[in-house]
């Protein structure tokens, strides 16, 4: 971005049957992210936006673009964060 504007890291929550299962069983959420975003960028954006601690971030490239899977620490519920992110 040439205007000095920070790119938006998180584009939107990515909801699939597998993502919903991971949310319930493994405390994870998936987000479609900017194609230039790194794991550190995603972690920082999630922690700032949702005020929740992130345990791990993995990134894969798929049909919708770059998808980040975020696992939260035990102190935070992915279901609560998912409701704030518009999953439900």
N, C-alpha and C. Protein backbone atom coordinates (compact mmCIF):
# COMPACT_ATOMS: atom_id res chain seq x y z
N UNK A 1 0.84 -1.17 0.00
CA UNK A 1 0.00 0.00 0.00
C UNK A 1 0.88 1.23 0.00
N UNK A 2 0.80 2.00 -1.03
CA UNK A 2 1.69 3.13 -1.19
C UNK A 2 1.30 4.34 -0.35
N UNK A 3 0.09 4.39 0.16
CA UNK A 3 -0.36 5.55 0.93
C UNK A 3 0.07 5.50 2.38
N UNK A 4 0.83 4.48 2.76
CA UNK A 4 1.26 4.34 4.14
C UNK A 4 0.18 3.70 5.02
N UNK A 5 -0.90 3.30 4.41
CA UNK A 5 -2.01 2.68 5.13
C UNK A 5 -1.66 1.23 5.45
N UNK A 6 -1.99 0.80 6.69
CA UNK A 6 -1.75 -0.60 7.06
C UNK A 6 -2.77 -1.49 6.37
N UNK A 7 -2.32 -2.57 5.74
CA UNK A 7 -3.29 -3.48 5.12
C UNK A 7 -4.11 -4.20 6.19
N UNK A 8 -5.35 -4.51 5.86
CA UNK A 8 -6.20 -5.25 6.78
C UNK A 8 -5.75 -6.71 6.75
N UNK A 9 -5.38 -7.24 7.89
CA UNK A 9 -4.85 -8.60 7.96
C UNK A 9 -5.98 -9.62 7.87
N UNK A 10 -6.99 -9.49 8.74
CA UNK A 10 -8.12 -10.43 8.77
C UNK A 10 -9.20 -9.94 7.82
N UNK A 11 -9.56 -10.78 6.85
CA UNK A 11 -10.60 -10.38 5.92
C UNK A 11 -11.98 -10.80 6.43
N UNK A 12 -12.12 -12.07 6.80
CA UNK A 12 -13.38 -12.55 7.38
C UNK A 12 -13.19 -13.96 7.93
N UNK A 13 -14.14 -14.36 8.79
CA UNK A 13 -14.11 -15.73 9.32
C UNK A 13 -14.40 -16.70 8.19
N UNK A 14 -13.80 -17.87 8.25
CA UNK A 14 -13.99 -18.90 7.22
C UNK A 14 -14.74 -20.05 7.87
N UNK A 15 -15.99 -20.24 7.45
CA UNK A 15 -16.86 -21.21 8.10
C UNK A 15 -17.12 -22.39 7.17
N UNK A 16 -16.67 -23.57 7.62
CA UNK A 16 -16.95 -24.82 6.92
C UNK A 16 -17.37 -25.83 7.98
N UNK A 17 -17.80 -26.98 7.55
CA UNK A 17 -18.16 -28.02 8.51
C UNK A 17 -16.94 -28.43 9.35
N UNK A 18 -15.80 -28.54 8.69
CA UNK A 18 -14.57 -28.90 9.39
C UNK A 18 -14.19 -27.80 10.39
N UNK A 19 -14.31 -26.54 9.98
CA UNK A 19 -13.98 -25.43 10.87
C UNK A 19 -14.88 -25.41 12.10
N UNK A 20 -16.16 -25.72 11.92
CA UNK A 20 -17.09 -25.75 13.05
C UNK A 20 -16.73 -26.88 14.01
N UNK A 21 -16.33 -28.03 13.46
CA UNK A 21 -15.92 -29.16 14.29
C UNK A 21 -14.66 -28.81 15.08
N UNK A 22 -13.68 -28.17 14.43
CA UNK A 22 -12.45 -27.77 15.11
C UNK A 22 -12.73 -26.74 16.19
N UNK A 23 -13.72 -25.88 15.95
CA UNK A 23 -14.07 -24.87 16.94
C UNK A 23 -14.57 -25.54 18.21
N UNK A 24 -15.42 -26.54 18.06
CA UNK A 24 -16.00 -27.23 19.21
C UNK A 24 -14.99 -28.13 19.92
N UNK A 25 -14.22 -28.89 19.16
CA UNK A 25 -13.35 -29.90 19.74
C UNK A 25 -11.94 -29.42 20.10
N UNK A 26 -11.39 -28.46 19.30
CA UNK A 26 -9.98 -28.10 19.47
C UNK A 26 -9.74 -26.63 19.79
N UNK A 27 -10.81 -25.86 20.03
CA UNK A 27 -10.70 -24.44 20.38
C UNK A 27 -9.99 -23.65 19.27
N UNK A 28 -10.38 -23.90 18.02
CA UNK A 28 -9.77 -23.25 16.86
C UNK A 28 -10.81 -22.48 16.05
N UNK A 29 -10.35 -21.44 15.36
CA UNK A 29 -11.17 -20.70 14.39
C UNK A 29 -10.34 -20.53 13.13
N UNK A 30 -11.03 -20.40 11.99
CA UNK A 30 -10.34 -20.15 10.74
C UNK A 30 -10.76 -18.80 10.18
N UNK A 31 -9.79 -18.09 9.60
CA UNK A 31 -10.02 -16.78 9.00
C UNK A 31 -9.35 -16.72 7.64
N UNK A 32 -10.02 -16.09 6.68
CA UNK A 32 -9.37 -15.76 5.41
C UNK A 32 -8.58 -14.49 5.70
N UNK A 33 -7.30 -14.51 5.34
CA UNK A 33 -6.42 -13.38 5.66
C UNK A 33 -5.80 -12.81 4.38
N UNK A 34 -5.25 -11.62 4.52
CA UNK A 34 -4.54 -10.97 3.41
C UNK A 34 -3.42 -11.88 2.93
N UNK A 35 -3.21 -11.94 1.65
CA UNK A 35 -2.22 -12.87 1.09
C UNK A 35 -0.79 -12.54 1.52
N UNK A 36 -0.55 -11.33 1.99
CA UNK A 36 0.80 -10.93 2.45
C UNK A 36 0.99 -11.15 3.95
N UNK A 37 -0.06 -11.55 4.66
CA UNK A 37 0.01 -11.68 6.12
C UNK A 37 0.86 -12.87 6.54
N UNK A 38 1.63 -12.65 7.59
CA UNK A 38 2.44 -13.72 8.19
C UNK A 38 1.71 -14.26 9.42
N UNK A 39 2.22 -15.36 9.98
CA UNK A 39 1.62 -15.90 11.20
C UNK A 39 1.67 -14.87 12.32
N UNK A 40 2.78 -14.15 12.42
CA UNK A 40 2.92 -13.12 13.47
C UNK A 40 1.89 -12.01 13.28
N UNK A 41 1.66 -11.60 12.02
CA UNK A 41 0.65 -10.57 11.72
C UNK A 41 -0.74 -11.04 12.17
N UNK A 42 -1.06 -12.29 11.86
CA UNK A 42 -2.38 -12.84 12.21
C UNK A 42 -2.54 -12.90 13.72
N UNK A 43 -1.52 -13.38 14.41
CA UNK A 43 -1.58 -13.48 15.88
C UNK A 43 -1.80 -12.11 16.49
N UNK A 44 -1.04 -11.13 16.05
CA UNK A 44 -1.17 -9.77 16.59
C UNK A 44 -2.56 -9.20 16.32
N UNK A 45 -3.07 -9.39 15.11
CA UNK A 45 -4.39 -8.87 14.75
C UNK A 45 -5.49 -9.50 15.59
N UNK A 46 -5.43 -10.81 15.78
CA UNK A 46 -6.44 -11.52 16.58
C UNK A 46 -6.39 -11.06 18.03
N UNK A 47 -5.18 -10.98 18.59
CA UNK A 47 -5.06 -10.59 19.99
C UNK A 47 -5.52 -9.16 20.23
N UNK A 48 -5.28 -8.26 19.27
CA UNK A 48 -5.72 -6.87 19.42
C UNK A 48 -7.22 -6.73 19.22
N UNK A 49 -7.74 -7.40 18.21
CA UNK A 49 -9.16 -7.25 17.86
C UNK A 49 -10.09 -7.94 18.84
N UNK A 50 -9.75 -9.16 19.26
CA UNK A 50 -10.65 -9.96 20.10
C UNK A 50 -10.19 -10.06 21.56
N UNK A 51 -9.06 -9.43 21.90
CA UNK A 51 -8.55 -9.44 23.27
C UNK A 51 -8.46 -10.86 23.83
N UNK A 52 -7.87 -11.76 23.04
CA UNK A 52 -7.73 -13.16 23.41
C UNK A 52 -6.32 -13.63 23.10
N UNK A 53 -5.80 -14.53 23.91
CA UNK A 53 -4.45 -15.06 23.71
C UNK A 53 -4.47 -16.19 22.68
N UNK A 54 -3.55 -16.12 21.74
CA UNK A 54 -3.43 -17.12 20.69
C UNK A 54 -2.32 -18.10 21.05
N UNK A 55 -2.62 -19.40 20.98
CA UNK A 55 -1.62 -20.42 21.27
C UNK A 55 -0.79 -20.74 20.03
N UNK A 56 -1.45 -20.80 18.86
CA UNK A 56 -0.75 -21.21 17.64
C UNK A 56 -1.52 -20.73 16.41
N UNK A 57 -0.77 -20.40 15.36
CA UNK A 57 -1.36 -20.01 14.08
C UNK A 57 -0.73 -20.86 12.99
N UNK A 58 -1.55 -21.48 12.16
CA UNK A 58 -1.06 -22.17 10.97
C UNK A 58 -1.74 -21.54 9.76
N UNK A 59 -1.03 -21.53 8.65
CA UNK A 59 -1.56 -20.90 7.44
C UNK A 59 -1.49 -21.88 6.29
N UNK A 60 -2.56 -21.89 5.49
CA UNK A 60 -2.58 -22.72 4.27
C UNK A 60 -3.16 -21.88 3.13
N UNK A 61 -2.81 -22.26 1.94
CA UNK A 61 -3.35 -21.60 0.76
C UNK A 61 -4.41 -22.53 0.18
N UNK A 62 -5.61 -22.01 -0.01
CA UNK A 62 -6.70 -22.83 -0.52
C UNK A 62 -7.52 -22.07 -1.54
N UNK A 63 -8.65 -22.63 -1.89
CA UNK A 63 -9.52 -22.02 -2.89
C UNK A 63 -9.96 -20.60 -2.50
N UNK A 64 -10.30 -20.35 -1.22
CA UNK A 64 -10.73 -18.99 -0.87
C UNK A 64 -9.57 -18.00 -0.74
N UNK A 65 -8.34 -18.48 -0.83
CA UNK A 65 -7.16 -17.63 -0.65
C UNK A 65 -6.32 -18.16 0.49
N UNK A 66 -5.71 -17.27 1.23
CA UNK A 66 -4.87 -17.65 2.36
C UNK A 66 -5.75 -17.81 3.59
N UNK A 67 -5.73 -18.99 4.20
CA UNK A 67 -6.59 -19.29 5.35
C UNK A 67 -5.70 -19.56 6.57
N UNK A 68 -5.96 -18.81 7.65
CA UNK A 68 -5.22 -18.99 8.90
C UNK A 68 -6.09 -19.75 9.89
N UNK A 69 -5.53 -20.80 10.47
CA UNK A 69 -6.21 -21.53 11.54
C UNK A 69 -5.57 -21.08 12.85
N UNK A 70 -6.41 -20.56 13.74
CA UNK A 70 -5.93 -19.97 14.99
C UNK A 70 -6.42 -20.82 16.16
N UNK A 71 -5.48 -21.31 16.97
CA UNK A 71 -5.85 -22.04 18.19
C UNK A 71 -5.65 -21.11 19.38
N UNK A 72 -6.67 -21.02 20.21
CA UNK A 72 -6.64 -20.14 21.37
C UNK A 72 -6.17 -20.90 22.60
N UNK A 73 -5.65 -20.15 23.59
CA UNK A 73 -5.26 -20.77 24.85
C UNK A 73 -6.52 -21.24 25.57
N UNK A 74 -6.34 -22.08 26.57
CA UNK A 74 -7.48 -22.66 27.30
C UNK A 74 -8.32 -21.62 28.02
N UNK A 75 -7.74 -20.43 28.28
CA UNK A 75 -8.47 -19.37 28.98
C UNK A 75 -9.55 -18.72 28.12
N UNK A 76 -9.51 -18.94 26.81
CA UNK A 76 -10.44 -18.28 25.88
C UNK A 76 -11.21 -19.32 25.08
N UNK A 77 -12.49 -19.04 24.85
CA UNK A 77 -13.35 -19.96 24.12
C UNK A 77 -13.47 -19.52 22.66
N UNK A 78 -13.15 -20.43 21.75
CA UNK A 78 -13.28 -20.11 20.32
C UNK A 78 -14.74 -19.86 19.95
N UNK A 79 -15.67 -20.46 20.69
CA UNK A 79 -17.09 -20.24 20.40
C UNK A 79 -17.49 -18.81 20.74
N UNK A 80 -17.00 -18.27 21.86
CA UNK A 80 -17.29 -16.88 22.21
C UNK A 80 -16.68 -15.92 21.19
N UNK A 81 -15.44 -16.18 20.82
CA UNK A 81 -14.75 -15.33 19.86
C UNK A 81 -15.42 -15.46 18.49
N UNK A 82 -15.83 -16.69 18.13
CA UNK A 82 -16.52 -16.91 16.87
C UNK A 82 -17.82 -16.15 16.78
N UNK A 83 -18.54 -16.04 17.87
CA UNK A 83 -19.80 -15.28 17.84
C UNK A 83 -19.50 -13.80 17.62
N UNK A 84 -18.41 -13.29 18.18
CA UNK A 84 -18.03 -11.89 17.94
C UNK A 84 -17.51 -11.69 16.52
N UNK A 85 -16.93 -12.74 15.94
CA UNK A 85 -16.38 -12.64 14.58
C UNK A 85 -17.45 -12.84 13.50
N UNK A 86 -18.67 -13.18 13.91
CA UNK A 86 -19.74 -13.34 12.94
C UNK A 86 -19.90 -14.74 12.38
N UNK A 87 -19.36 -15.74 13.10
CA UNK A 87 -19.48 -17.12 12.65
C UNK A 87 -20.92 -17.60 12.78
N UNK A 88 -21.60 -17.19 13.84
CA UNK A 88 -22.97 -17.65 14.08
C UNK A 88 -23.98 -16.62 13.58
